[in-house]
Protein backbone atom coordinates (compact mmCIF):
# COMPACT_ATOMS: atom_id res chain seq x y z
CA MET A 1 -1.96 -5.56 -21.72
CA VAL A 2 -1.02 -6.32 -18.13
CA GLN A 3 -3.60 -5.26 -15.57
CA TYR A 4 -2.45 -3.29 -12.55
CA ASP A 5 -5.81 -2.66 -10.91
CA PHE A 6 -4.36 -3.78 -7.58
CA LEU A 7 -1.87 -0.90 -7.78
CA ASP A 8 -4.66 1.63 -8.23
CA ALA A 9 -6.40 0.28 -5.13
CA SER A 10 -3.18 0.05 -3.12
CA PHE A 11 -1.78 3.46 -3.95
CA GLY A 12 -5.23 5.00 -3.61
CA ALA A 13 -5.54 3.50 -0.14
CA LEU A 14 -2.06 4.73 0.80
CA ALA A 15 -2.78 8.25 -0.45
CA ASP A 16 -4.63 9.17 2.73
CA PRO A 17 -2.74 9.88 5.98
CA THR A 18 -5.52 8.39 8.12
CA ARG A 19 -5.34 5.09 6.25
CA ARG A 20 -1.55 5.05 6.56
CA GLY A 21 -2.03 5.68 10.28
CA ILE A 22 -4.47 2.78 10.52
CA LEU A 23 -1.94 0.48 8.86
CA GLU A 24 0.76 1.69 11.23
CA ARG A 25 -1.48 1.08 14.23
CA LEU A 26 -2.45 -2.40 13.04
CA GLY A 27 1.24 -3.17 12.63
CA SER A 28 1.40 -3.50 16.40
CA GLY A 29 -1.63 -5.79 16.60
CA PRO A 30 -5.35 -6.12 15.90
CA ALA A 31 -7.80 -3.40 16.92
CA THR A 32 -11.54 -2.99 16.96
CA VAL A 33 -13.28 -0.51 14.71
CA SER A 34 -14.28 1.46 17.83
CA GLU A 35 -10.66 1.62 19.02
CA LEU A 36 -9.54 2.92 15.64
CA ALA A 37 -12.35 5.49 15.54
CA GLU A 38 -11.36 6.75 18.99
CA ARG A 39 -7.66 6.88 18.18
CA PHE A 40 -8.22 8.87 14.99
CA GLU A 41 -11.00 10.99 16.52
CA MET A 42 -13.52 9.95 13.88
CA THR A 43 -17.07 8.75 13.84
CA LEU A 44 -17.70 5.04 13.36
CA THR A 45 -19.14 5.80 9.92
CA GLY A 46 -16.02 7.75 8.94
CA ILE A 47 -13.54 5.12 10.10
CA LYS A 48 -15.56 2.35 8.43
CA LYS A 49 -15.10 4.07 5.06
CA HIS A 50 -11.33 4.04 5.55
CA ILE A 51 -11.41 0.43 6.70
CA ARG A 52 -13.47 -0.61 3.67
CA LEU A 53 -10.93 0.96 1.28
CA LEU A 54 -8.04 -0.77 3.05
CA GLU A 55 -9.91 -4.05 3.04
CA ASP A 56 -10.78 -3.73 -0.67
CA ALA A 57 -7.08 -3.14 -1.38
CA GLY A 58 -6.25 -6.36 0.50
CA MET A 59 -4.21 -4.55 3.13
CA ILE A 60 -6.35 -5.41 6.12
CA VAL A 61 -8.78 -8.14 7.10
CA THR A 62 -11.80 -7.66 9.32
CA GLU A 63 -13.58 -10.28 11.35
CA LYS A 64 -16.78 -9.96 13.30
CA ARG A 65 -16.88 -11.68 16.69
CA GLY A 66 -20.23 -11.24 18.32
CA ARG A 67 -21.07 -7.55 18.02
CA VAL A 68 -17.46 -6.42 17.66
CA ARG A 69 -15.54 -6.09 14.38
CA TYR A 70 -11.78 -6.62 14.63
CA CYS A 71 -9.23 -5.38 12.12
CA ARG A 72 -5.77 -6.77 11.46
CA LEU A 73 -3.16 -6.50 8.75
CA GLY A 74 -3.74 -8.82 5.82
CA ASP A 75 -1.43 -11.66 4.96
CA ASN A 76 1.39 -10.73 2.59
CA VAL A 77 0.63 -7.03 2.74
CA PHE A 78 2.50 -5.22 -0.03
CA ASP A 79 4.05 -8.36 -1.57
CA ARG A 80 2.48 -7.61 -4.97
CA GLU A 81 3.26 -3.91 -4.74
CA VAL A 82 6.89 -4.52 -3.75
CA ALA A 83 7.30 -7.04 -6.58
CA TRP A 84 5.94 -4.49 -9.05
CA LEU A 85 8.21 -1.74 -7.70
CA GLN A 86 11.26 -4.01 -7.89
CA GLY A 87 10.46 -4.93 -11.49
CA TYR A 88 9.95 -1.28 -12.38
CA ARG A 89 13.23 -0.37 -10.68
CA ARG A 90 15.10 -3.06 -12.64
CA MET A 91 13.65 -1.69 -15.88
CA VAL A 92 14.68 1.89 -15.06
CA GLU A 93 18.17 0.79 -13.99
CA ALA A 94 18.60 -1.18 -17.24
CA ARG A 95 17.60 1.89 -19.25
CA MET A 96 20.04 4.05 -17.30
CA ASP A 97 22.81 1.50 -17.90
CA ARG A 98 22.10 1.55 -21.65
CA LEU A 99 22.11 5.36 -21.60
CA GLY A 100 25.46 5.35 -19.80
CA GLU A 101 26.92 2.93 -22.35
CA PHE A 102 25.61 5.08 -25.20
CA LEU A 103 27.10 8.23 -23.71
CA GLU A 104 30.47 6.54 -23.26
CA ARG A 105 30.44 5.36 -26.90
CA THR A 106 29.47 8.76 -28.25
CA GLU A 107 31.65 10.91 -26.01
CA PRO A 108 34.04 12.98 -28.12
CA ASP A 109 37.73 12.37 -27.57
CA THR A 110 39.43 15.23 -25.77
């Protein structure tokens, strides 16, 4: 059986509006944990939980420089998820095509 654990982590991370907001913010460049906490009006502890989930899903990367932790988007964010969605879409479209062909073959003559 094919494992899709990465999808569970990815879609779980995307399920929260704050985490989606963090990704959107990091789309315009790196930010410190403190900057993200301030922007989303959260405590450092609260924002770190969101950051950890995004990092575990491979969506962001953090780096500590001195006493400051910086966050940025990960490399190839969503490549695996997009590939899975495209494959799933192809499968559904193929099934719909077969259904359409079946319906055409079985349609009564009028």
